[in-house]
Every structure is written in structure tokens, then in C-alpha cells.
Amino acid sequence: MLTANSLKRSVALGPGIGASARGRAHSTTPFSRVIYSTAQVDNFCSHLQRIFADLQVEVTRPFGAPAVLKITLERVLKVSIVLRGASIEWVMVKAFNEDFITEEGKVDVFSPSRFLVFQKITDHANAAMLHFVHTLHPDLAVKSFVVS
């Protein structure tokens, strides 16, 4: 009864191709993670600054290796984007008069905005961050996220 079921989960490659050829065909995965150095991330962020002249993009590294992009749209809002390599890890949006620095002088990218509007914008930005994911070209995903 089990041999009568012809459903297979893998794609049939042809009549003359055996299991060893199928194993070699799937040995390289298209979802391998691209690793970016800190210099490449800094170059990418300076490229973002040149593309979007009306935005002020500042790159800091308060946590060590992960870069934090502080993007300011004058008189409207401030955005803090935590990057892991060149992919977006966390997004926080605050009003233009709020700051991302605590009383102790430390960078605080996780406390929400005082205003409900910017809390909702943060929720939508985090949903958009999950939408703009590209495993092979994470820099393209960040550019698309900033454009939208």
C-alpha cells in the first residue's frame, strides 16, 4: 500500500538522473547569508546619504559591531535603524523633538515614542522591515525600505 503512493516532495530531474545528481544539485542553497564587513556597511550608509539628499543619515556603533542608522527627516520624524550586517534588525520611529539618548547619555533605540502616532508608525515600519527581506542582497532591502 505504501509503494502505491507516488507523491514525492522533491522535483523530478529526469529519467536518467539518480539520487547522487539530485544531491549535488541541492548542495548550494540560494538562502546562504551574505556577510558584510564594517567597512562595507559604512560605505553602504554613505551611499544612502548621497542618494537621499533630503535625509540626514548618521552611522553610529554604540553596541559594538551592529551599526545604528539615525535617519532624520527635518521637522517631521527621526528613525533609528539597527543593522545586523546589512540587514535590518530593529526600527524605531520618534517625533522630531524626541531623542534617542537617555539621561545617562546612552543610546536607547528600544524605548517607544511618547506619541501614539509615532508608536503606530513604528509598528508599521517593523511590519515593512519584515516585508523587505532579501537574503542575497540585504543592501537592496534596506534601500527599498528607506524609499518606502
C-alpha atoms as a PDB file:
ATOM      1  CA  MET A   1       0.000   0.000   0.000  1.00  0.00           C
ATOM      2  CA  LEU A   2       2.875   2.422   0.743  1.00  0.00           C
ATOM      3  CA  THR A   3       4.591   1.711  -2.580  1.00  0.00           C
ATOM      4  CA  ALA A   4       1.426   2.592  -4.497  1.00  0.00           C
ATOM      5  CA  ASN A   5       1.645   6.222  -3.328  1.00  0.00           C
ATOM      6  CA  SER A   6       3.620   8.117  -5.968  1.00  0.00           C
ATOM      7  CA  LEU A   7       3.632  11.527  -4.274  1.00  0.00           C
ATOM      8  CA  LYS A   8       7.125  12.918  -3.929  1.00  0.00           C
ATOM      9  CA  ARG A   9       8.330  16.064  -2.219  1.00  0.00           C
ATOM     10  CA  SER A  10      11.349  16.634  -4.446  1.00  0.00           C
ATOM     11  CA  VAL A  11      11.281  17.791  -8.034  1.00  0.00           C
ATOM     12  CA  ALA A  12      11.898  15.081 -10.607  1.00  0.00           C
ATOM     13  CA  LEU A  13      15.001  15.958 -12.573  1.00  0.00           C
ATOM     14  CA  GLY A  14      14.541  13.492 -15.368  1.00  0.00           C
ATOM     15  CA  PRO A  15      14.522   9.751 -16.030  1.00  0.00           C
ATOM     16  CA  GLY A  16      18.294   9.234 -16.213  1.00  0.00           C
ATOM     17  CA  ILE A  17      19.308  11.288 -13.195  1.00  0.00           C
ATOM     18  CA  GLY A  18      19.957   9.371  -9.999  1.00  0.00           C
ATOM     19  CA  ALA A  19      19.984  10.323  -6.332  1.00  0.00           C
ATOM     20  CA  SER A  20      23.644  11.386  -6.403  1.00  0.00           C
ATOM     21  CA  ALA A  21      22.953  14.025  -9.066  1.00  0.00           C
ATOM     22  CA  ARG A  22      19.953  15.290  -7.108  1.00  0.00           C
ATOM     23  CA  GLY A  23      22.162  15.678  -4.017  1.00  0.00           C
ATOM     24  CA  ARG A  24      24.711  17.736  -5.929  1.00  0.00           C
ATOM     25  CA  ALA A  25      22.029  19.942  -7.437  1.00  0.00           C
ATOM     26  CA  HIS A  26      20.799  20.986  -3.988  1.00  0.00           C
ATOM     27  CA  SER A  27      24.188  21.324  -2.289  1.00  0.00           C
ATOM     28  CA  THR A  28      24.355  25.100  -2.801  1.00  0.00           C
ATOM     29  CA  THR A  29      21.423  26.812  -1.218  1.00  0.00           C
ATOM     30  CA  PRO A  30      20.139  30.150  -2.564  1.00  0.00           C
ATOM     31  CA  PHE A  31      19.447  31.258   1.022  1.00  0.00           C
ATOM     32  CA  SER A  32      23.030  31.459   2.211  1.00  0.00           C
ATOM     33  CA  ARG A  33      23.692  34.507   4.387  1.00  0.00           C
ATOM     34  CA  VAL A  34      25.932  37.202   2.934  1.00  0.00           C
ATOM     35  CA  ILE A  35      28.390  38.566   5.492  1.00  0.00           C
ATOM     36  CA  TYR A  36      29.293  42.261   5.298  1.00  0.00           C
ATOM     37  CA  SER A  37      32.313  43.830   6.962  1.00  0.00           C
ATOM     38  CA  THR A  38      32.015  47.064   8.933  1.00  0.00           C
ATOM     39  CA  ALA A  39      33.753  48.964   6.110  1.00  0.00           C
ATOM     40  CA  GLN A  40      31.211  47.662   3.588  1.00  0.00           C
ATOM     41  CA  VAL A  41      28.339  48.689   5.868  1.00  0.00           C
ATOM     42  CA  ASP A  42      29.863  52.163   6.302  1.00  0.00           C
ATOM     43  CA  ASN A  43      30.280  52.519   2.529  1.00  0.00           C
ATOM     44  CA  PHE A  44      26.690  51.442   2.031  1.00  0.00           C
ATOM     45  CA  CYS A  45      25.460  54.008   4.583  1.00  0.00           C
ATOM     46  CA  SER A  46      27.453  56.802   2.963  1.00  0.00           C
ATOM     47  CA  HIS A  47      25.916  55.737  -0.360  1.00  0.00           C
ATOM     48  CA  LEU A  48      22.457  56.081   1.240  1.00  0.00           C
ATOM     49  CA  GLN A  49      23.378  59.610   2.325  1.00  0.00           C
ATOM     50  CA  ARG A  50      24.310  60.515  -1.245  1.00  0.00           C
ATOM     51  CA  ILE A  51      21.136  59.001  -2.724  1.00  0.00           C
ATOM     52  CA  PHE A  52      18.724  60.672  -0.306  1.00  0.00           C
ATOM     53  CA  ALA A  53      19.959  64.241  -0.043  1.00  0.00           C
ATOM     54  CA  ASP A  54      16.921  65.440   1.935  1.00  0.00           C
ATOM     55  CA  LEU A  55      17.557  62.880   4.698  1.00  0.00           C
ATOM     56  CA  GLN A  56      20.287  63.215   7.291  1.00  0.00           C
ATOM     57  CA  VAL A  57      21.890  59.786   7.738  1.00  0.00           C
ATOM     58  CA  GLU A  58      24.272  59.264  10.635  1.00  0.00           C
ATOM     59  CA  VAL A  59      26.015  55.963  11.377  1.00  0.00           C
ATOM     60  CA  THR A  60      26.995  55.063  14.934  1.00  0.00           C
ATOM     61  CA  ARG A  61      28.139  51.859  16.590  1.00  0.00           C
ATOM     62  CA  PRO A  62      27.117  52.154  20.260  1.00  0.00           C
ATOM     63  CA  PHE A  63      26.719  48.386  20.690  1.00  0.00           C
ATOM     64  CA  GLY A  64      29.985  47.371  19.006  1.00  0.00           C
ATOM     65  CA  ALA A  65      29.611  45.600  15.662  1.00  0.00           C
ATOM     66  CA  PRO A  66      25.933  46.299  14.862  1.00  0.00           C
ATOM     67  CA  ALA A  67      25.541  49.650  13.151  1.00  0.00           C
ATOM     68  CA  VAL A  68      22.764  52.036  14.126  1.00  0.00           C
ATOM     69  CA  LEU A  69      21.472  54.358  11.412  1.00  0.00           C
ATOM     70  CA  LYS A  70      19.933  57.575  12.662  1.00  0.00           C
ATOM     71  CA  ILE A  71      17.833  58.983   9.847  1.00  0.00           C
ATOM     72  CA  THR A  72      16.289  62.411  10.335  1.00  0.00           C
ATOM     73  CA  LEU A  73      13.603  63.923   8.159  1.00  0.00           C
ATOM     74  CA  GLU A  74      13.684  67.587   9.135  1.00  0.00           C
ATOM     75  CA  ARG A  75      10.797  68.871  11.257  1.00  0.00           C
ATOM     76  CA  VAL A  76       8.917  65.557  10.861  1.00  0.00           C
ATOM     77  CA  LEU A  77      10.498  62.489  12.453  1.00  0.00           C
ATOM     78  CA  LYS A  78      13.621  60.626  13.483  1.00  0.00           C
ATOM     79  CA  VAL A  79      14.213  56.969  12.717  1.00  0.00           C
ATOM     80  CA  SER A  80      16.685  54.634  14.356  1.00  0.00           C
ATOM     81  CA  ILE A  81      17.502  51.501  12.344  1.00  0.00           C
ATOM     82  CA  VAL A  82      19.648  48.798  13.922  1.00  0.00           C
ATOM     83  CA  LEU A  83      21.534  46.841  11.265  1.00  0.00           C
ATOM     84  CA  ARG A  84      22.993  43.380  11.647  1.00  0.00           C
ATOM     85  CA  GLY A  85      25.452  43.299   8.804  1.00  0.00           C
ATOM     86  CA  ALA A  86      23.476  44.991   6.045  1.00  0.00           C
ATOM     87  CA  SER A  87      20.073  43.628   7.041  1.00  0.00           C
ATOM     88  CA  ILE A  88      17.574  45.465   9.238  1.00  0.00           C
ATOM     89  CA  GLU A  89      17.225  44.118  12.757  1.00  0.00           C
ATOM     90  CA  TRP A  90      15.089  46.756  14.528  1.00  0.00           C
ATOM     91  CA  VAL A  91      13.311  50.008  13.621  1.00  0.00           C
ATOM     92  CA  MET A  92      12.172  52.759  15.993  1.00  0.00           C
ATOM     93  CA  VAL A  93      10.404  55.955  14.884  1.00  0.00           C
ATOM     94  CA  LYS A  94      10.097  59.022  17.107  1.00  0.00           C
ATOM     95  CA  ALA A  95       8.966  62.613  16.729  1.00  0.00           C
ATOM     96  CA  PHE A  96      11.472  65.229  15.588  1.00  0.00           C
ATOM     97  CA  ASN A  97      11.680  66.734  19.098  1.00  0.00           C
ATOM     98  CA  GLU A  98      12.320  63.391  20.854  1.00  0.00           C
ATOM     99  CA  ASP A  99      15.784  61.979  21.319  1.00  0.00           C
ATOM    100  CA  PHE A 100      17.341  58.515  21.201  1.00  0.00           C
ATOM    101  CA  ILE A 101      19.687  59.263  24.107  1.00  0.00           C
ATOM    102  CA  THR A 102      18.792  58.535  27.736  1.00  0.00           C
ATOM    103  CA  GLU A 103      19.534  60.726  30.744  1.00  0.00           C
ATOM    104  CA  GLU A 104      22.738  58.763  31.344  1.00  0.00           C
ATOM    105  CA  GLY A 105      23.964  59.582  27.838  1.00  0.00           C
ATOM    106  CA  LYS A 106      23.461  56.069  26.434  1.00  0.00           C
ATOM    107  CA  VAL A 107      21.785  55.323  23.126  1.00  0.00           C
ATOM    108  CA  ASP A 108      18.266  53.973  23.626  1.00  0.00           C
ATOM    109  CA  VAL A 109      16.763  52.506  20.473  1.00  0.00           C
ATOM    110  CA  PHE A 110      14.130  50.368  22.205  1.00  0.00           C
ATOM    111  CA  SER A 111      12.004  52.848  24.191  1.00  0.00           C
ATOM    112  CA  PRO A 112       8.833  53.826  22.335  1.00  0.00           C
ATOM    113  CA  SER A 113       7.810  57.320  21.390  1.00  0.00           C
ATOM    114  CA  ARG A 114       5.633  59.393  23.717  1.00  0.00           C
ATOM    115  CA  PHE A 115       3.183  59.993  20.883  1.00  0.00           C
ATOM    116  CA  LEU A 116       0.696  57.337  19.804  1.00  0.00           C
ATOM    117  CA  VAL A 117       1.046  58.331  16.138  1.00  0.00           C
ATOM    118  CA  PHE A 118       4.754  57.533  16.104  1.00  0.00           C
ATOM    119  CA  GLN A 119       4.152  54.285  18.001  1.00  0.00           C
ATOM    120  CA  LYS A 120       1.788  53.219  15.200  1.00  0.00           C
ATOM    121  CA  ILE A 121       4.320  54.325  12.577  1.00  0.00           C
ATOM    122  CA  THR A 122       6.937  52.199  14.385  1.00  0.00           C
ATOM    123  CA  ASP A 123       4.608  49.188  14.237  1.00  0.00           C
ATOM    124  CA  HIS A 124       4.073  49.701  10.514  1.00  0.00           C
ATOM    125  CA  ALA A 125       7.796  50.218   9.944  1.00  0.00           C
ATOM    126  CA  ASN A 126       8.577  46.944  11.718  1.00  0.00           C
ATOM    127  CA  ALA A 127       5.997  45.164   9.564  1.00  0.00           C
ATOM    128  CA  ALA A 128       7.560  46.728   6.462  1.00  0.00           C
ATOM    129  CA  MET A 129      11.003  45.663   7.704  1.00  0.00           C
ATOM    130  CA  LEU A 130       9.805  42.057   7.706  1.00  0.00           C
ATOM    131  CA  HIS A 131       8.444  42.533   4.191  1.00  0.00           C
ATOM    132  CA  PHE A 132      11.674  43.970   2.762  1.00  0.00           C
ATOM    133  CA  VAL A 133      13.977  40.993   3.291  1.00  0.00           C
ATOM    134  CA  HIS A 134      16.420  39.855   0.647  1.00  0.00           C
ATOM    135  CA  THR A 135      18.901  37.179   1.686  1.00  0.00           C
ATOM    136  CA  LEU A 136      21.377  37.629  -1.145  1.00  0.00           C
ATOM    137  CA  HIS A 137      21.230  41.441  -1.381  1.00  0.00           C
ATOM    138  CA  PRO A 138      20.292  42.869   2.030  1.00  0.00           C
ATOM    139  CA  ASP A 139      21.536  46.311   0.968  1.00  0.00           C
ATOM    140  CA  LEU A 140      18.813  46.334  -1.703  1.00  0.00           C
ATOM    141  CA  ALA A 141      16.255  45.550   1.003  1.00  0.00           C
ATOM    142  CA  VAL A 142      17.462  48.499   3.127  1.00  0.00           C
ATOM    143  CA  LYS A 143      17.304  50.849   0.131  1.00  0.00           C
ATOM    144  CA  SER A 144      13.769  49.676  -0.659  1.00  0.00           C
ATOM    145  CA  PHE A 145      12.775  50.111   2.980  1.00  0.00           C
ATOM    146  CA  VAL A 146      14.098  53.671   3.139  1.00  0.00           C
ATOM    147  CA  VAL A 147      12.409  54.592  -0.157  1.00  0.00           C
ATOM    148  CA  SER A 148       9.043  53.327   1.043  1.00  0.00           C
END
